[in-house]
PDB file of all heavy atoms in Angstrom:
ATOM      1  N   ILE A   1      37.137 -81.761 180.932  1.00  0.00           N
ATOM      2  CA  ILE A   1      35.827 -81.236 181.338  1.00  0.00           C
ATOM      3  C   ILE A   1      35.405 -80.128 180.392  1.00  0.00           C
ATOM      4  O   ILE A   1      36.199 -79.295 179.978  1.00  0.00           O
ATOM      5  CB  ILE A   1      35.888 -80.700 182.758  1.00  0.00           C
ATOM      6  CG1 ILE A   1      36.189 -81.850 183.735  1.00  0.00           C
ATOM      7  CG2 ILE A   1      34.599 -80.013 183.182  1.00  0.00           C
ATOM      8  CD1 ILE A   1      36.325 -81.393 185.166  1.00  0.00           C
ATOM      9  N   GLU A   2      34.098 -80.107 180.119  1.00  0.00           N
ATOM     10  CA  GLU A   2      33.503 -79.041 179.279  1.00  0.00           C
ATOM     11  C   GLU A   2      32.357 -78.414 180.084  1.00  0.00           C
ATOM     12  O   GLU A   2      31.396 -79.084 180.418  1.00  0.00           O
ATOM     13  CB  GLU A   2      32.982 -79.715 178.007  1.00  0.00           C
ATOM     14  CG  GLU A   2      32.353 -78.795 177.010  1.00  0.00           C
ATOM     15  CD  GLU A   2      31.918 -79.565 175.785  1.00  0.00           C
ATOM     16  OE1 GLU A   2      31.089 -80.505 175.947  1.00  0.00           O
ATOM     17  OE2 GLU A   2      32.374 -79.211 174.727  1.00  0.00           O
ATOM     18  N   VAL A   3      32.507 -77.125 180.434  1.00  0.00           N
ATOM     19  CA  VAL A   3      31.468 -76.395 181.122  1.00  0.00           C
ATOM     20  C   VAL A   3      30.438 -75.945 180.101  1.00  0.00           C
ATOM     21  O   VAL A   3      30.809 -75.378 179.073  1.00  0.00           O
ATOM     22  CB  VAL A   3      32.033 -75.190 181.923  1.00  0.00           C
ATOM     23  CG1 VAL A   3      30.924 -74.493 182.696  1.00  0.00           C
ATOM     24  CG2 VAL A   3      33.121 -75.670 182.872  1.00  0.00           C
ATOM     25  N   GLN A   4      29.104 -76.193 180.364  1.00  0.00           N
ATOM     26  CA  GLN A   4      28.110 -75.924 179.328  1.00  0.00           C
ATOM     27  C   GLN A   4      27.147 -74.779 179.582  1.00  0.00           C
ATOM     28  O   GLN A   4      26.869 -74.029 178.660  1.00  0.00           O
ATOM     29  CB  GLN A   4      27.308 -77.220 179.120  1.00  0.00           C
ATOM     30  CG  GLN A   4      28.171 -78.353 178.604  1.00  0.00           C
ATOM     31  CD  GLN A   4      27.419 -79.656 178.502  1.00  0.00           C
ATOM     32  OE1 GLN A   4      26.656 -79.999 179.375  1.00  0.00           O
ATOM     33  NE2 GLN A   4      27.666 -80.367 177.406  1.00  0.00           N
ATOM     34  N   HIS A   5      26.669 -74.627 180.803  1.00  0.00           N
ATOM     35  CA  HIS A   5      25.713 -73.517 181.027  1.00  0.00           C
ATOM     36  C   HIS A   5      25.677 -73.143 182.529  1.00  0.00           C
ATOM     37  O   HIS A   5      26.097 -73.911 183.412  1.00  0.00           O
ATOM     38  CB  HIS A   5      24.307 -73.786 180.514  1.00  0.00           C
ATOM     39  CG  HIS A   5      23.736 -75.087 180.938  1.00  0.00           C
ATOM     40  ND1 HIS A   5      23.443 -75.430 182.223  1.00  0.00           N
ATOM     41  CD2 HIS A   5      23.414 -76.162 180.210  1.00  0.00           C
ATOM     42  CE1 HIS A   5      22.937 -76.662 182.284  1.00  0.00           C
ATOM     43  NE2 HIS A   5      22.902 -77.124 181.057  1.00  0.00           N
ATOM     44  N   VAL A   6      25.158 -71.910 182.775  1.00  0.00           N
ATOM     45  CA  VAL A   6      25.044 -71.381 184.126  1.00  0.00           C
ATOM     46  C   VAL A   6      23.681 -70.705 184.239  1.00  0.00           C
ATOM     47  O   VAL A   6      23.125 -70.256 183.237  1.00  0.00           O
ATOM     48  CB  VAL A   6      26.190 -70.371 184.453  1.00  0.00           C
ATOM     49  CG1 VAL A   6      26.117 -69.162 183.577  1.00  0.00           C
ATOM     50  CG2 VAL A   6      26.218 -70.019 185.924  1.00  0.00           C
ATOM     51  N   GLN A   7      23.158 -70.605 185.451  1.00  0.00           N
ATOM     52  CA  GLN A   7      21.825 -70.005 185.663  1.00  0.00           C
ATOM     53  C   GLN A   7      21.992 -68.522 185.997  1.00  0.00           C
ATOM     54  O   GLN A   7      22.727 -68.169 186.912  1.00  0.00           O
ATOM     55  CB  GLN A   7      21.083 -70.736 186.780  1.00  0.00           C
ATOM     56  CG  GLN A   7      19.670 -70.272 186.916  1.00  0.00           C
ATOM     57  CD  GLN A   7      18.898 -71.122 187.897  1.00  0.00           C
ATOM     58  OE1 GLN A   7      19.447 -71.909 188.634  1.00  0.00           O
ATOM     59  NE2 GLN A   7      17.603 -70.968 187.928  1.00  0.00           N
ATOM     60  N   SER A   8      21.264 -67.688 185.275  1.00  0.00           N
ATOM     61  CA  SER A   8      21.292 -66.241 185.522  1.00  0.00           C
ATOM     62  C   SER A   8      20.252 -65.893 186.601  1.00  0.00           C
ATOM     63  O   SER A   8      19.482 -66.746 187.014  1.00  0.00           O
ATOM     64  CB  SER A   8      21.008 -65.458 184.234  1.00  0.00           C
ATOM     65  OG  SER A   8      19.704 -65.741 183.776  1.00  0.00           O
ATOM     66  N   VAL A   9      20.211 -64.626 187.036  1.00  0.00           N
ATOM     67  CA  VAL A   9      19.303 -64.193 188.069  1.00  0.00           C
ATOM     68  C   VAL A   9      17.823 -64.330 187.661  1.00  0.00           C
ATOM     69  O   VAL A   9      16.954 -64.447 188.548  1.00  0.00           O
ATOM     70  CB  VAL A   9      19.575 -62.753 188.567  1.00  0.00           C
ATOM     71  CG1 VAL A   9      20.920 -62.673 189.257  1.00  0.00           C
ATOM     72  CG2 VAL A   9      19.476 -61.745 187.459  1.00  0.00           C
ATOM     73  N   ASP A  10      17.544 -64.289 186.364  1.00  0.00           N
ATOM     74  CA  ASP A  10      16.139 -64.460 185.939  1.00  0.00           C
ATOM     75  C   ASP A  10      15.768 -65.906 185.687  1.00  0.00           C
ATOM     76  O   ASP A  10      14.670 -66.210 185.204  1.00  0.00           O
ATOM     77  CB  ASP A  10      15.818 -63.578 184.730  1.00  0.00           C
ATOM     78  CG  ASP A  10      16.618 -63.951 183.500  1.00  0.00           C
ATOM     79  OD1 ASP A  10      17.480 -64.846 183.555  1.00  0.00           O
ATOM     80  OD2 ASP A  10      16.415 -63.326 182.438  1.00  0.00           O
ATOM     81  N   GLY A  11      16.675 -66.836 185.970  1.00  0.00           N
ATOM     82  CA  GLY A  11      16.364 -68.260 185.900  1.00  0.00           C
ATOM     83  C   GLY A  11      16.725 -68.918 184.593  1.00  0.00           C
ATOM     84  O   GLY A  11      16.634 -70.137 184.474  1.00  0.00           O
ATOM     85  N   GLN A  12      17.123 -68.175 183.578  1.00  0.00           N
ATOM     86  CA  GLN A  12      17.428 -68.806 182.295  1.00  0.00           C
ATOM     87  C   GLN A  12      18.821 -69.444 182.323  1.00  0.00           C
ATOM     88  O   GLN A  12      19.680 -69.070 183.110  1.00  0.00           O
ATOM     89  CB  GLN A  12      17.304 -67.814 181.147  1.00  0.00           C
ATOM     90  CG  GLN A  12      18.330 -66.716 181.121  1.00  0.00           C
ATOM     91  CD  GLN A  12      18.153 -65.824 179.928  1.00  0.00           C
ATOM     92  OE1 GLN A  12      18.135 -66.297 178.819  1.00  0.00           O
ATOM     93  NE2 GLN A  12      18.065 -64.518 180.176  1.00  0.00           N
ATOM     94  N   GLN A  13      19.027 -70.435 181.477  1.00  0.00           N
ATOM     95  CA  GLN A  13      20.317 -71.113 181.366  1.00  0.00           C
ATOM     96  C   GLN A  13      21.147 -70.366 180.306  1.00  0.00           C
ATOM     97  O   GLN A  13      20.751 -70.342 179.130  1.00  0.00           O
ATOM     98  CB  GLN A  13      20.122 -72.571 180.972  1.00  0.00           C
ATOM     99  CG  GLN A  13      19.383 -73.398 181.977  1.00  0.00           C
ATOM    100  CD  GLN A  13      20.099 -73.466 183.319  1.00  0.00           C
ATOM    101  OE1 GLN A  13      21.315 -73.659 183.385  1.00  0.00           O
ATOM    102  NE2 GLN A  13      19.369 -73.264 184.401  1.00  0.00           N
ATOM    103  N   VAL A  14      22.259 -69.809 180.716  1.00  0.00           N
ATOM    104  CA  VAL A  14      23.142 -69.054 179.820  1.00  0.00           C
ATOM    105  C   VAL A  14      24.188 -70.039 179.306  1.00  0.00           C
ATOM    106  O   VAL A  14      24.894 -70.655 180.093  1.00  0.00           O
ATOM    107  CB  VAL A  14      23.802 -67.871 180.554  1.00  0.00           C
ATOM    108  CG1 VAL A  14      24.779 -67.160 179.629  1.00  0.00           C
ATOM    109  CG2 VAL A  14      22.758 -66.910 181.087  1.00  0.00           C
ATOM    110  N   ALA A  15      24.291 -70.151 177.963  1.00  0.00           N
ATOM    111  CA  ALA A  15      25.266 -71.064 177.373  1.00  0.00           C
ATOM    112  C   ALA A  15      26.700 -70.541 177.609  1.00  0.00           C
ATOM    113  O   ALA A  15      26.968 -69.359 177.468  1.00  0.00           O
ATOM    114  CB  ALA A  15      25.025 -71.192 175.875  1.00  0.00           C
ATOM    115  N   LEU A  16      27.582 -71.458 177.980  1.00  0.00           N
ATOM    116  CA  LEU A  16      28.965 -71.113 178.202  1.00  0.00           C
ATOM    117  C   LEU A  16      29.819 -71.743 177.116  1.00  0.00           C
ATOM    118  O   LEU A  16      29.485 -72.763 176.555  1.00  0.00           O
ATOM    119  CB  LEU A  16      29.439 -71.594 179.591  1.00  0.00           C
ATOM    120  CG  LEU A  16      28.688 -70.974 180.756  1.00  0.00           C
ATOM    121  CD1 LEU A  16      29.189 -71.578 182.076  1.00  0.00           C
ATOM    122  CD2 LEU A  16      28.891 -69.462 180.779  1.00  0.00           C
ATOM    123  N   ASN A  17      30.976 -71.087 176.845  1.00  0.00           N
ATOM    124  CA  ASN A  17      31.889 -71.607 175.861  1.00  0.00           C
ATOM    125  C   ASN A  17      32.413 -72.966 176.340  1.00  0.00           C
ATOM    126  O   ASN A  17      32.902 -73.081 177.443  1.00  0.00           O
ATOM    127  CB  ASN A  17      33.044 -70.622 175.710  1.00  0.00           C
ATOM    128  CG  ASN A  17      33.923 -70.981 174.543  1.00  0.00           C
ATOM    129  OD1 ASN A  17      33.794 -72.019 173.911  1.00  0.00           O
ATOM    130  ND2 ASN A  17      34.844 -70.096 174.220  1.00  0.00           N
ATOM    131  N   GLY A  18      32.221 -73.966 175.506  1.00  0.00           N
ATOM    132  CA  GLY A  18      32.621 -75.334 175.853  1.00  0.00           C
ATOM    133  C   GLY A  18      34.100 -75.618 175.710  1.00  0.00           C
ATOM    134  O   GLY A  18      34.444 -76.737 175.382  1.00  0.00           O
ATOM    135  N   ALA A  19      34.947 -74.630 175.960  1.00  0.00           N
ATOM    136  CA  ALA A  19      36.371 -74.861 175.877  1.00  0.00           C
ATOM    137  C   ALA A  19      36.759 -75.958 176.855  1.00  0.00           C
ATOM    138  O   ALA A  19      36.429 -75.909 178.031  1.00  0.00           O
ATOM    139  CB  ALA A  19      37.134 -73.579 176.181  1.00  0.00           C
ATOM    140  N   GLU A  20      37.457 -76.944 176.357  1.00  0.00           N
ATOM    141  CA  GLU A  20      37.842 -78.084 177.160  1.00  0.00           C
ATOM    142  C   GLU A  20      38.874 -77.682 178.203  1.00  0.00           C
ATOM    143  O   GLU A  20      39.835 -76.990 177.883  1.00  0.00           O
ATOM    144  CB  GLU A  20      38.419 -79.153 176.251  1.00  0.00           C
ATOM    145  CG  GLU A  20      38.831 -80.407 176.957  1.00  0.00           C
ATOM    146  CD  GLU A  20      39.354 -81.428 175.930  1.00  0.00           C
ATOM    147  OE1 GLU A  20      38.613 -81.774 175.010  1.00  0.00           O
ATOM    148  OE2 GLU A  20      40.525 -81.833 176.091  1.00  0.00           O
ATOM    149  N   GLN A  21      38.676 -78.114 179.411  1.00  0.00           N
ATOM    150  CA  GLN A  21      39.651 -77.860 180.475  1.00  0.00           C
ATOM    151  C   GLN A  21      40.105 -79.221 181.007  1.00  0.00           C
ATOM    152  O   GLN A  21      39.329 -80.127 181.168  1.00  0.00           O
ATOM    153  CB  GLN A  21      39.012 -77.028 181.576  1.00  0.00           C
ATOM    154  CG  GLN A  21      38.584 -75.692 181.047  1.00  0.00           C
ATOM    155  CD  GLN A  21      38.147 -74.716 182.123  1.00  0.00           C
ATOM    156  OE1 GLN A  21      38.741 -74.702 183.199  1.00  0.00           O
ATOM    157  NE2 GLN A  21      37.167 -73.920 181.834  1.00  0.00           N
ATOM    158  N   ILE A  22      41.412 -79.304 181.242  1.00  0.00           N
ATOM    159  CA  ILE A  22      41.992 -80.597 181.630  1.00  0.00           C
ATOM    160  C   ILE A  22      42.430 -80.526 183.072  1.00  0.00           C
ATOM    161  O   ILE A  22      43.165 -79.635 183.479  1.00  0.00           O
ATOM    162  CB  ILE A  22      43.211 -80.914 180.736  1.00  0.00           C
ATOM    163  CG1 ILE A  22      42.739 -81.011 179.270  1.00  0.00           C
ATOM    164  CG2 ILE A  22      43.847 -82.232 181.185  1.00  0.00           C
ATOM    165  CD1 ILE A  22      43.865 -81.153 178.290  1.00  0.00           C
ATOM    166  N   LEU A  23      41.932 -81.481 183.854  1.00  0.00           N
ATOM    167  CA  LEU A  23      42.379 -81.657 185.234  1.00  0.00           C
ATOM    168  C   LEU A  23      43.294 -82.852 185.236  1.00  0.00           C
ATOM    169  O   LEU A  23      42.917 -83.957 184.833  1.00  0.00           O
ATOM    170  CB  LEU A  23      41.171 -81.898 186.160  1.00  0.00           C
ATOM    171  CG  LEU A  23      40.118 -80.795 186.185  1.00  0.00           C
ATOM    172  CD1 LEU A  23      38.946 -81.218 187.068  1.00  0.00           C
ATOM    173  CD2 LEU A  23      40.698 -79.487 186.679  1.00  0.00           C
ATOM    174  N   LYS A  24      44.539 -82.632 185.669  1.00  0.00           N
ATOM    175  CA  LYS A  24      45.565 -83.641 185.566  1.00  0.00           C
ATOM    176  C   LYS A  24      46.031 -84.068 186.972  1.00  0.00           C
ATOM    177  O   LYS A  24      46.171 -83.238 187.861  1.00  0.00           O
ATOM    178  CB  LYS A  24      46.735 -83.062 184.779  1.00  0.00           C
ATOM    179  CG  LYS A  24      47.815 -84.005 184.413  1.00  0.00           C
ATOM    180  CD  LYS A  24      48.846 -83.339 183.525  1.00  0.00           C
ATOM    181  CE  LYS A  24      49.882 -84.316 183.083  1.00  0.00           C
ATOM    182  NZ  LYS A  24      50.872 -83.698 182.198  1.00  0.00           N
ATOM    183  N   GLY A  25      46.287 -85.361 187.098  1.00  0.00           N
ATOM    184  CA  GLY A  25      46.786 -85.884 188.357  1.00  0.00           C
ATOM    185  C   GLY A  25      48.218 -85.405 188.630  1.00  0.00           C
ATOM    186  O   GLY A  25      48.869 -84.777 187.790  1.00  0.00           O
ATOM    187  N   THR A  26      48.739 -85.727 189.785  1.00  0.00           N
ATOM    188  CA  THR A  26      50.042 -85.263 190.207  1.00  0.00           C
ATOM    189  C   THR A  26      51.161 -86.229 189.845  1.00  0.00           C
ATOM    190  O   THR A  26      52.240 -85.801 189.372  1.00  0.00           O
ATOM    191  CB  THR A  26      50.062 -85.052 191.731  1.00  0.00           C
ATOM    192  OG1 THR A  26      48.975 -84.211 192.092  1.00  0.00           O
ATOM    193  CG2 THR A  26      51.361 -84.387 192.183  1.00  0.00           C
ATOM    194  N   TYR A  27      50.945 -87.525 190.023  1.00  0.00           N
ATOM    195  CA  TYR A  27      52.046 -88.491 189.862  1.00  0.00           C
ATOM    196  C   TYR A  27      51.764 -89.441 188.714  1.00  0.00           C
ATOM    197  O   TYR A  27      50.663 -89.899 188.505  1.00  0.00           O
ATOM    198  CB  TYR A  27      52.217 -89.289 191.166  1.00  0.00           C
ATOM    199  CG  TYR A  27      52.491 -88.400 192.349  1.00  0.00           C
ATOM    200  CD1 TYR A  27      51.552 -88.202 193.318  1.00  0.00           C
ATOM    201  CD2 TYR A  27      53.735 -87.776 192.482  1.00  0.00           C
ATOM    202  CE1 TYR A  27      51.794 -87.370 194.400  1.00  0.00           C
ATOM    203  CE2 TYR A  27      53.991 -86.938 193.536  1.00  0.00           C
ATOM    204  CZ  TYR A  27      53.041 -86.750 194.499  1.00  0.00           C
ATOM    205  OH  TYR A  27      53.291 -85.931 195.558  1.00  0.00           O
ATOM    206  N   ALA A  28      52.831 -89.776 187.998  1.00  0.00           N
ATOM    207  CA  ALA A  28      52.762 -90.716 186.869  1.00  0.00           C
ATOM    208  C   ALA A  28      52.210 -92.056 187.351  1.00  0.00           C
ATOM    209  O   ALA A  28      52.452 -92.464 188.477  1.00  0.00           O
ATOM    210  CB  ALA A  28      54.135 -90.876 186.233  1.00  0.00           C
ATOM    211  N   SER A  29      51.486 -92.701 186.461  1.00  0.00           N
ATOM    212  CA  SER A  29      50.884 -94.032 186.681  1.00  0.00           C
ATOM    213  C   SER A  29      49.844 -94.066 187.790  1.00  0.00           C
ATOM    214  O   SER A  29      49.511 -95.127 188.276  1.00  0.00           O
ATOM    215  CB  SER A  29      51.954 -95.103 186.896  1.00  0.00           C
ATOM    216  OG  SER A  29      52.560 -94.982 188.141  1.00  0.00           O
ATOM    217  N   GLN A  30      49.356 -92.926 188.209  1.00  0.00           N
ATOM    218  CA  GLN A  30      48.320 -92.848 189.251  1.00  0.00           C
ATOM    219  C   GLN A  30      47.085 -92.098 188.746  1.00  0.00           C
ATOM    220  O   GLN A  30      47.189 -91.310 187.842  1.00  0.00           O
ATOM    221  CB  GLN A  30      48.851 -92.204 190.517  1.00  0.00           C
ATOM    222  CG  GLN A  30      49.911 -93.004 191.213  1.00  0.00           C
ATOM    223  CD  GLN A  30      50.292 -92.399 192.557  1.00  0.00           C
ATOM    224  OE1 GLN A  30      49.812 -91.326 192.920  1.00  0.00           O
ATOM    225  NE2 GLN A  30      51.182 -93.063 193.287  1.00  0.00           N
ATOM    226  N   GLY A  31      45.985 -92.360 189.383  1.00  0.00           N
ATOM    227  CA  GLY A  31      44.763 -91.646 189.069  1.00  0.00           C
ATOM    228  C   GLY A  31      44.828 -90.211 189.533  1.00  0.00           C
ATOM    229  O   GLY A  31      45.830 -89.782 190.088  1.00  0.00           O
ATOM    230  N   MET A  32      43.750 -89.494 189.304  1.00  0.00           N
ATOM    231  CA  MET A  32      43.731 -88.101 189.782  1.00  0.00           C
ATOM    232  C   MET A  32      42.476 -87.830 190.572  1.00  0.00           C
ATOM    233  O   MET A  32      41.483 -88.529 190.441  1.00  0.00           O
ATOM    234  CB  MET A  32      43.838 -87.126 188.572  1.00  0.00           C
ATOM    235  CG  MET A  32      42.686 -87.111 187.601  1.00  0.00           C
ATOM    236  SD  MET A  32      41.225 -86.173 188.047  1.00  0.00           S
ATOM    237  CE  MET A  32      41.879 -84.632 188.542  1.00  0.00           C
ATOM    238  N   GLN A  33      42.573 -86.796 191.402  1.00  0.00           N
ATOM    239  CA  GLN A  33      41.408 -86.382 192.204  1.00  0.00           C
ATOM    240  C   GLN A  33      41.412 -84.851 192.218  1.00  0.00           C
ATOM    241  O   GLN A  33      42.376 -84.213 192.604  1.00  0.00           O
ATOM    242  CB  GLN A  33      41.527 -86.937 193.635  1.00  0.00           C
ATOM    243  CG  GLN A  33      40.313 -86.590 194.488  1.00  0.00           C
ATOM    244  CD  GLN A  33      40.367 -87.276 195.849  1.00  0.00           C
ATOM    245  OE1 GLN A  33      41.412 -87.684 196.288  1.00  0.00           O
ATOM    246  NE2 GLN A  33      39.267 -87.384 196.473  1.00  0.00           N
ATOM    247  N   ALA A  34      40.287 -84.266 191.806  1.00  0.00           N
ATOM    248  CA  ALA A  34      40.067 -82.820 191.868  1.00  0.00           C
ATOM    249  C   ALA A  34      39.171 -82.544 193.046  1.00  0.00           C
ATOM    250  O   ALA A  34      38.034 -83.050 193.074  1.00  0.00           O
ATOM    251  CB  ALA A  34      39.499 -82.317 190.566  1.00  0.00           C
ATOM    252  N   GLN A  35      39.626 -81.783 194.000  1.00  0.00           N
ATOM    253  CA  GLN A  35      38.860 -81.502 195.202  1.00  0.00           C
ATOM    254  C   GLN A  35      37.717 -80.547 194.967  1.00  0.00           C
ATOM    255  O   GLN A  35      37.793 -79.660 194.112  1.00  0.00           O
ATOM    256  CB  GLN A  35      39.776 -80.927 196.290  1.00  0.00           C
ATOM    257  CG  GLN A  35      40.858 -81.878 196.768  1.00  0.00           C
ATOM    258  CD  GLN A  35      40.263 -83.078 197.466  1.00  0.00           C
ATOM    259  OE1 GLN A  35      39.308 -83.004 198.224  1.00  0.00           O
ATOM    260  NE2 GLN A  35      40.876 -84.242 197.217  1.00  0.00           N
ATOM    261  N   MET A  36      36.660 -80.693 195.748  1.00  0.00           N
ATOM    262  CA  MET A  36      35.558 -79.752 195.727  1.00  0.00           C
ATOM    263  C   MET A  36      36.169 -78.363 196.043  1.00  0.00           C
ATOM    264  O   MET A  36      37.023 -78.239 196.894  1.00  0.00           O
ATOM    265  CB  MET A  36      34.540 -80.102 196.812  1.00  0.00           C
ATOM    266  CG  MET A  36      33.347 -79.230 196.856  1.00  0.00           C
ATOM    267  SD  MET A  36      32.011 -79.800 197.912  1.00  0.00           S
ATOM    268  CE  MET A  36      32.799 -79.911 199.485  1.00  0.00           C
ATOM    269  N   GLY A  37      35.755 -77.386 195.259  1.00  0.00           N
ATOM    270  CA  GLY A  37      36.269 -76.029 195.451  1.00  0.00           C
ATOM    271  C   GLY A  37      37.381 -75.651 194.471  1.00  0.00           C
ATOM    272  O   GLY A  37      37.795 -74.514 194.448  1.00  0.00           O
ATOM    273  N   ALA A  38      37.810 -76.608 193.658  1.00  0.00           N
ATOM    274  CA  ALA A  38      38.854 -76.333 192.664  1.00  0.00           C
ATOM    275  C   ALA A  38      38.320 -75.289 191.680  1.00  0.00           C
ATOM    276  O   ALA A  38      37.188 -75.347 191.235  1.00  0.00           O
ATOM    277  CB  ALA A  38      39.262 -77.598 191.920  1.00  0.00           C
ATOM    278  N   ALA A  39      39.178 -74.301 191.369  1.00  0.00           N
ATOM    279  CA  ALA A  39      38.749 -73.187 190.511  1.00  0.00           C
ATOM    280  C   ALA A  39      38.740 -73.563 189.010  1.00  0.00           C
ATOM    281  O   ALA A  39      39.608 -74.263 188.527  1.00  0.00           O
ATOM    282  CB  ALA A  39      39.693 -71.995 190.696  1.00  0.00           C
TER     283      ALA A  39
END
């Protein structure tokens, strides 16, 4: 995942550093699920 921008209080889109973040599943040979609210 690459986070790209966030909205400031004046409504403009602030560019965020596109550092790649990896969400990884738990068990080998299975898919992964990241729950709503994951930090």
